[in-house]
PDB file of all heavy atoms in Angstrom:
ATOM      1  N   GLN A   1     129.654  64.037 164.760  1.00  0.00           N
ATOM      2  CA  GLN A   1     129.457  63.635 163.369  1.00  0.00           C
ATOM      3  C   GLN A   1     130.710  63.885 162.472  1.00  0.00           C
ATOM      4  O   GLN A   1     130.552  63.967 161.251  1.00  0.00           O
ATOM      5  CB  GLN A   1     128.222  64.274 162.749  1.00  0.00           C
ATOM      6  CG  GLN A   1     126.942  63.894 163.421  1.00  0.00           C
ATOM      7  CD  GLN A   1     126.660  62.372 163.298  1.00  0.00           C
ATOM      8  OE1 GLN A   1     126.716  61.837 162.199  1.00  0.00           O
ATOM      9  NE2 GLN A   1     126.361  61.743 164.395  1.00  0.00           N
ATOM     10  N   LEU A   2     131.865  64.087 163.074  1.00  0.00           N
ATOM     11  CA  LEU A   2     133.094  64.302 162.262  1.00  0.00           C
ATOM     12  C   LEU A   2     133.438  63.073 161.477  1.00  0.00           C
ATOM     13  O   LEU A   2     133.952  63.190 160.360  1.00  0.00           O
ATOM     14  CB  LEU A   2     134.205  64.684 163.227  1.00  0.00           C
ATOM     15  CG  LEU A   2     134.080  66.016 163.915  1.00  0.00           C
ATOM     16  CD1 LEU A   2     135.276  66.259 164.853  1.00  0.00           C
ATOM     17  CD2 LEU A   2     133.980  67.190 162.876  1.00  0.00           C
ATOM     18  N   GLY A   3     133.167  61.868 161.963  1.00  0.00           N
ATOM     19  CA  GLY A   3     133.408  60.682 161.239  1.00  0.00           C
ATOM     20  C   GLY A   3     132.673  60.644 159.939  1.00  0.00           C
ATOM     21  O   GLY A   3     133.196  60.321 158.824  1.00  0.00           O
ATOM     22  N   ALA A   4     131.354  61.052 160.025  1.00  0.00           N
ATOM     23  CA  ALA A   4     130.507  61.045 158.825  1.00  0.00           C
ATOM     24  C   ALA A   4     131.039  62.090 157.793  1.00  0.00           C
ATOM     25  O   ALA A   4     131.076  61.844 156.611  1.00  0.00           O
ATOM     26  CB  ALA A   4     129.113  61.434 159.213  1.00  0.00           C
ATOM     27  N   VAL A   5     131.484  63.255 158.304  1.00  0.00           N
ATOM     28  CA  VAL A   5     132.027  64.273 157.396  1.00  0.00           C
ATOM     29  C   VAL A   5     133.242  63.765 156.699  1.00  0.00           C
ATOM     30  O   VAL A   5     133.413  63.924 155.516  1.00  0.00           O
ATOM     31  CB  VAL A   5     132.283  65.570 158.215  1.00  0.00           C
ATOM     32  CG1 VAL A   5     133.083  66.539 157.407  1.00  0.00           C
ATOM     33  CG2 VAL A   5     131.041  66.188 158.749  1.00  0.00           C
ATOM     34  N   LEU A   6     134.179  63.149 157.443  1.00  0.00           N
ATOM     35  CA  LEU A   6     135.406  62.619 156.868  1.00  0.00           C
ATOM     36  C   LEU A   6     135.137  61.509 155.873  1.00  0.00           C
ATOM     37  O   LEU A   6     135.792  61.472 154.784  1.00  0.00           O
ATOM     38  CB  LEU A   6     136.347  62.211 157.980  1.00  0.00           C
ATOM     39  CG  LEU A   6     136.889  63.310 158.867  1.00  0.00           C
ATOM     40  CD1 LEU A   6     137.633  62.739 160.029  1.00  0.00           C
ATOM     41  CD2 LEU A   6     137.804  64.255 158.058  1.00  0.00           C
ATOM     42  N   LEU A   7     134.220  60.571 156.235  1.00  0.00           N
ATOM     43  CA  LEU A   7     133.907  59.522 155.315  1.00  0.00           C
ATOM     44  C   LEU A   7     133.342  60.001 153.979  1.00  0.00           C
ATOM     45  O   LEU A   7     133.727  59.585 152.876  1.00  0.00           O
ATOM     46  CB  LEU A   7     132.917  58.551 155.981  1.00  0.00           C
ATOM     47  CG  LEU A   7     133.464  57.672 157.088  1.00  0.00           C
ATOM     48  CD1 LEU A   7     132.351  56.977 157.830  1.00  0.00           C
ATOM     49  CD2 LEU A   7     134.489  56.633 156.528  1.00  0.00           C
ATOM     50  N   ASN A   8     132.428  60.936 154.081  1.00  0.00           N
ATOM     51  CA  ASN A   8     131.838  61.514 152.872  1.00  0.00           C
ATOM     52  C   ASN A   8     132.825  62.288 152.048  1.00  0.00           C
ATOM     53  O   ASN A   8     132.791  62.299 150.806  1.00  0.00           O
ATOM     54  CB  ASN A   8     130.578  62.330 153.203  1.00  0.00           C
ATOM     55  CG  ASN A   8     129.411  61.412 153.582  1.00  0.00           C
ATOM     56  OD1 ASN A   8     129.383  60.281 153.162  1.00  0.00           O
ATOM     57  ND2 ASN A   8     128.484  61.973 154.325  1.00  0.00           N
ATOM     58  N   HIS A   9     133.721  62.988 152.725  1.00  0.00           N
ATOM     59  CA  HIS A   9     134.770  63.712 152.027  1.00  0.00           C
ATOM     60  C   HIS A   9     135.613  62.770 151.203  1.00  0.00           C
ATOM     61  O   HIS A   9     135.941  63.032 150.055  1.00  0.00           O
ATOM     62  CB  HIS A   9     135.595  64.527 152.982  1.00  0.00           C
ATOM     63  CG  HIS A   9     136.771  65.246 152.347  1.00  0.00           C
ATOM     64  ND1 HIS A   9     136.601  66.340 151.576  1.00  0.00           N
ATOM     65  CD2 HIS A   9     138.087  64.957 152.350  1.00  0.00           C
ATOM     66  CE1 HIS A   9     137.803  66.732 151.130  1.00  0.00           C
ATOM     67  NE2 HIS A   9     138.713  65.861 151.585  1.00  0.00           N
ATOM     68  N   ALA A  10     136.023  61.677 151.835  1.00  0.00           N
ATOM     69  CA  ALA A  10     136.852  60.647 151.173  1.00  0.00           C
ATOM     70  C   ALA A  10     136.087  60.109 149.954  1.00  0.00           C
ATOM     71  O   ALA A  10     136.692  59.857 148.864  1.00  0.00           O
ATOM     72  CB  ALA A  10     137.232  59.540 152.140  1.00  0.00           C
ATOM     73  N   ARG A  11     134.785  59.833 150.099  1.00  0.00           N
ATOM     74  CA  ARG A  11     134.020  59.312 148.990  1.00  0.00           C
ATOM     75  C   ARG A  11     133.950  60.331 147.835  1.00  0.00           C
ATOM     76  O   ARG A  11     133.986  59.916 146.705  1.00  0.00           O
ATOM     77  CB  ARG A  11     132.625  58.901 149.463  1.00  0.00           C
ATOM     78  CG  ARG A  11     132.684  57.720 150.447  1.00  0.00           C
ATOM     79  CD  ARG A  11     131.357  57.436 151.080  1.00  0.00           C
ATOM     80  NE  ARG A  11     130.345  57.030 150.146  1.00  0.00           N
ATOM     81  CZ  ARG A  11     129.087  56.903 150.489  1.00  0.00           C
ATOM     82  NH1 ARG A  11     128.679  57.104 151.727  1.00  0.00           N
ATOM     83  NH2 ARG A  11     128.173  56.545 149.596  1.00  0.00           N
ATOM     84  N   ARG A  12     133.791  61.595 148.124  1.00  0.00           N
ATOM     85  CA  ARG A  12     133.798  62.636 147.086  1.00  0.00           C
ATOM     86  C   ARG A  12     135.141  62.725 146.377  1.00  0.00           C
ATOM     87  O   ARG A  12     135.204  62.826 145.154  1.00  0.00           O
ATOM     88  CB  ARG A  12     133.337  63.954 147.674  1.00  0.00           C
ATOM     89  CG  ARG A  12     131.842  64.076 147.937  1.00  0.00           C
ATOM     90  CD  ARG A  12     131.431  65.477 148.249  1.00  0.00           C
ATOM     91  NE  ARG A  12     132.061  66.036 149.500  1.00  0.00           N
ATOM     92  CZ  ARG A  12     131.575  65.755 150.706  1.00  0.00           C
ATOM     93  NH1 ARG A  12     130.469  65.066 150.901  1.00  0.00           N
ATOM     94  NH2 ARG A  12     132.201  66.258 151.736  1.00  0.00           N
ATOM     95  N   GLU A  13     136.168  62.719 147.168  1.00  0.00           N
ATOM     96  CA  GLU A  13     137.520  62.832 146.593  1.00  0.00           C
ATOM     97  C   GLU A  13     137.833  61.611 145.687  1.00  0.00           C
ATOM     98  O   GLU A  13     138.456  61.739 144.634  1.00  0.00           O
ATOM     99  CB  GLU A  13     138.573  62.922 147.652  1.00  0.00           C
ATOM    100  CG  GLU A  13     138.560  64.277 148.407  1.00  0.00           C
ATOM    101  CD  GLU A  13     138.793  65.427 147.460  1.00  0.00           C
ATOM    102  OE1 GLU A  13     139.754  65.460 146.726  1.00  0.00           O
ATOM    103  OE2 GLU A  13     137.953  66.420 147.531  1.00  0.00           O
ATOM    104  N   ALA A  14     137.423  60.403 146.139  1.00  0.00           N
ATOM    105  CA  ALA A  14     137.621  59.226 145.300  1.00  0.00           C
ATOM    106  C   ALA A  14     136.851  59.339 143.975  1.00  0.00           C
ATOM    107  O   ALA A  14     137.348  58.938 142.924  1.00  0.00           O
ATOM    108  CB  ALA A  14     137.203  57.945 146.097  1.00  0.00           C
ATOM    109  N   HIS A  15     135.685  59.883 144.010  1.00  0.00           N
ATOM    110  CA  HIS A  15     134.870  60.085 142.795  1.00  0.00           C
ATOM    111  C   HIS A  15     135.610  61.056 141.869  1.00  0.00           C
ATOM    112  O   HIS A  15     135.659  60.761 140.649  1.00  0.00           O
ATOM    113  CB  HIS A  15     133.501  60.624 143.147  1.00  0.00           C
ATOM    114  CG  HIS A  15     132.586  60.593 141.904  1.00  0.00           C
ATOM    115  ND1 HIS A  15     132.588  61.654 141.002  1.00  0.00           N
ATOM    116  CD2 HIS A  15     131.721  59.705 141.451  1.00  0.00           C
ATOM    117  CE1 HIS A  15     131.717  61.360 140.057  1.00  0.00           C
ATOM    118  NE2 HIS A  15     131.227  60.176 140.267  1.00  0.00           N
ATOM    119  N   LYS A  16     136.157  62.133 142.380  1.00  0.00           N
ATOM    120  CA  LYS A  16     136.902  63.105 141.581  1.00  0.00           C
ATOM    121  C   LYS A  16     138.068  62.423 140.869  1.00  0.00           C
ATOM    122  O   LYS A  16     138.493  62.830 139.802  1.00  0.00           O
ATOM    123  CB  LYS A  16     137.419  64.220 142.422  1.00  0.00           C
ATOM    124  CG  LYS A  16     136.381  65.192 142.879  1.00  0.00           C
ATOM    125  CD  LYS A  16     137.056  66.287 143.796  1.00  0.00           C
ATOM    126  CE  LYS A  16     136.060  67.132 144.465  1.00  0.00           C
ATOM    127  NZ  LYS A  16     136.663  68.121 145.361  1.00  0.00           N
ATOM    128  N   LEU A  17     138.670  61.374 141.493  1.00  0.00           N
ATOM    129  CA  LEU A  17     139.777  60.634 140.903  1.00  0.00           C
ATOM    130  C   LEU A  17     139.307  59.553 139.971  1.00  0.00           C
ATOM    131  O   LEU A  17     140.134  58.819 139.400  1.00  0.00           O
ATOM    132  CB  LEU A  17     140.593  60.018 141.997  1.00  0.00           C
ATOM    133  CG  LEU A  17     141.315  61.069 142.904  1.00  0.00           C
ATOM    134  CD1 LEU A  17     141.945  60.376 144.129  1.00  0.00           C
ATOM    135  CD2 LEU A  17     142.380  61.812 142.113  1.00  0.00           C
ATOM    136  N   GLY A  18     137.986  59.445 139.751  1.00  0.00           N
ATOM    137  CA  GLY A  18     137.503  58.501 138.730  1.00  0.00           C
ATOM    138  C   GLY A  18     137.070  57.148 139.286  1.00  0.00           C
ATOM    139  O   GLY A  18     136.760  56.224 138.504  1.00  0.00           O
ATOM    140  N   PHE A  19     136.990  56.982 140.581  1.00  0.00           N
ATOM    141  CA  PHE A  19     136.623  55.651 141.166  1.00  0.00           C
ATOM    142  C   PHE A  19     135.094  55.628 141.365  1.00  0.00           C
ATOM    143  O   PHE A  19     134.495  56.623 141.735  1.00  0.00           O
ATOM    144  CB  PHE A  19     137.364  55.411 142.450  1.00  0.00           C
ATOM    145  CG  PHE A  19     138.841  55.307 142.256  1.00  0.00           C
ATOM    146  CD1 PHE A  19     139.686  56.340 142.615  1.00  0.00           C
ATOM    147  CD2 PHE A  19     139.405  54.147 141.725  1.00  0.00           C
ATOM    148  CE1 PHE A  19     141.040  56.257 142.387  1.00  0.00           C
ATOM    149  CE2 PHE A  19     140.747  54.033 141.559  1.00  0.00           C
ATOM    150  CZ  PHE A  19     141.609  55.129 141.886  1.00  0.00           C
ATOM    151  N   GLN A  20     134.543  54.442 141.259  1.00  0.00           N
ATOM    152  CA  GLN A  20     133.137  54.212 141.509  1.00  0.00           C
ATOM    153  C   GLN A  20     132.882  53.759 142.912  1.00  0.00           C
ATOM    154  O   GLN A  20     131.822  53.944 143.455  1.00  0.00           O
ATOM    155  CB  GLN A  20     132.536  53.213 140.527  1.00  0.00           C
ATOM    156  CG  GLN A  20     132.468  53.742 139.125  1.00  0.00           C
ATOM    157  CD  GLN A  20     131.883  52.742 138.125  1.00  0.00           C
ATOM    158  OE1 GLN A  20     131.746  51.575 138.431  1.00  0.00           O
ATOM    159  NE2 GLN A  20     131.505  53.248 136.998  1.00  0.00           N
ATOM    160  N   ASN A  21     133.850  53.103 143.459  1.00  0.00           N
ATOM    161  CA  ASN A  21     133.718  52.525 144.856  1.00  0.00           C
ATOM    162  C   ASN A  21     134.958  52.858 145.651  1.00  0.00           C
ATOM    163  O   ASN A  21     136.049  53.085 145.143  1.00  0.00           O
ATOM    164  CB  ASN A  21     133.595  50.973 144.811  1.00  0.00           C
ATOM    165  CG  ASN A  21     132.328  50.565 144.190  1.00  0.00           C
ATOM    166  OD1 ASN A  21     131.246  51.018 144.571  1.00  0.00           O
ATOM    167  ND2 ASN A  21     132.381  49.675 143.238  1.00  0.00           N
ATOM    168  N   LEU A  22     134.789  52.909 147.008  1.00  0.00           N
ATOM    169  CA  LEU A  22     135.897  53.080 147.938  1.00  0.00           C
ATOM    170  C   LEU A  22     135.746  51.978 148.968  1.00  0.00           C
ATOM    171  O   LEU A  22     134.672  51.579 149.348  1.00  0.00           O
ATOM    172  CB  LEU A  22     135.771  54.443 148.613  1.00  0.00           C
ATOM    173  CG  LEU A  22     136.905  54.879 149.529  1.00  0.00           C
ATOM    174  CD1 LEU A  22     138.260  54.938 148.764  1.00  0.00           C
ATOM    175  CD2 LEU A  22     136.572  56.239 150.167  1.00  0.00           C
ATOM    176  N   TYR A  23     136.893  51.461 149.395  1.00  0.00           N
ATOM    177  CA  TYR A  23     136.925  50.291 150.284  1.00  0.00           C
ATOM    178  C   TYR A  23     137.646  50.666 151.572  1.00  0.00           C
ATOM    179  O   TYR A  23     138.441  51.598 151.560  1.00  0.00           O
ATOM    180  CB  TYR A  23     137.665  49.109 149.612  1.00  0.00           C
ATOM    181  CG  TYR A  23     137.011  48.639 148.379  1.00  0.00           C
ATOM    182  CD1 TYR A  23     137.373  49.223 147.137  1.00  0.00           C
ATOM    183  CD2 TYR A  23     136.033  47.689 148.380  1.00  0.00           C
ATOM    184  CE1 TYR A  23     136.736  48.839 145.988  1.00  0.00           C
ATOM    185  CE2 TYR A  23     135.410  47.263 147.200  1.00  0.00           C
ATOM    186  CZ  TYR A  23     135.771  47.863 145.993  1.00  0.00           C
ATOM    187  OH  TYR A  23     135.168  47.465 144.835  1.00  0.00           O
ATOM    188  N   LEU A  24     137.366  49.919 152.614  1.00  0.00           N
ATOM    189  CA  LEU A  24     138.117  50.112 153.883  1.00  0.00           C
ATOM    190  C   LEU A  24     138.111  48.770 154.581  1.00  0.00           C
ATOM    191  O   LEU A  24     137.224  47.896 154.324  1.00  0.00           O
ATOM    192  CB  LEU A  24     137.605  51.197 154.760  1.00  0.00           C
ATOM    193  CG  LEU A  24     136.174  51.137 155.322  1.00  0.00           C
ATOM    194  CD1 LEU A  24     136.082  50.233 156.539  1.00  0.00           C
ATOM    195  CD2 LEU A  24     135.703  52.491 155.697  1.00  0.00           C
ATOM    196  N   CYS A  25     139.139  48.537 155.419  1.00  0.00           N
ATOM    197  CA  CYS A  25     139.146  47.328 156.270  1.00  0.00           C
ATOM    198  C   CYS A  25     139.199  47.779 157.728  1.00  0.00           C
ATOM    199  O   CYS A  25     139.823  48.793 158.045  1.00  0.00           O
ATOM    200  CB  CYS A  25     140.292  46.427 155.910  1.00  0.00           C
ATOM    201  SG  CYS A  25     141.927  47.159 156.016  1.00  0.00           S
ATOM    202  N   THR A  26     138.501  47.023 158.565  1.00  0.00           N
ATOM    203  CA  THR A  26     138.398  47.440 159.981  1.00  0.00           C
ATOM    204  C   THR A  26     138.029  46.272 160.837  1.00  0.00           C
ATOM    205  O   THR A  26     137.487  45.269 160.367  1.00  0.00           O
ATOM    206  CB  THR A  26     137.317  48.556 160.065  1.00  0.00           C
ATOM    207  OG1 THR A  26     137.292  49.014 161.406  1.00  0.00           O
ATOM    208  CG2 THR A  26     135.929  48.053 159.706  1.00  0.00           C
ATOM    209  N   ASP A  27     138.215  46.482 162.155  1.00  0.00           N
ATOM    210  CA  ASP A  27     137.775  45.535 163.185  1.00  0.00           C
ATOM    211  C   ASP A  27     136.510  46.082 163.835  1.00  0.00           C
ATOM    212  O   ASP A  27     135.903  45.384 164.661  1.00  0.00           O
ATOM    213  CB  ASP A  27     138.875  45.278 164.218  1.00  0.00           C
ATOM    214  CG  ASP A  27     140.077  44.644 163.615  1.00  0.00           C
ATOM    215  OD1 ASP A  27     139.926  43.863 162.648  1.00  0.00           O
ATOM    216  OD2 ASP A  27     141.161  44.862 164.124  1.00  0.00           O
TER     217      ASP A  27
END
């Protein structure tokens, strides 16, 4: 579950920076 931990950490950090959404691109 490290992927889940990292994804949620990124979402929290983006919120701290004032963003409402976070995006990613992937295959």
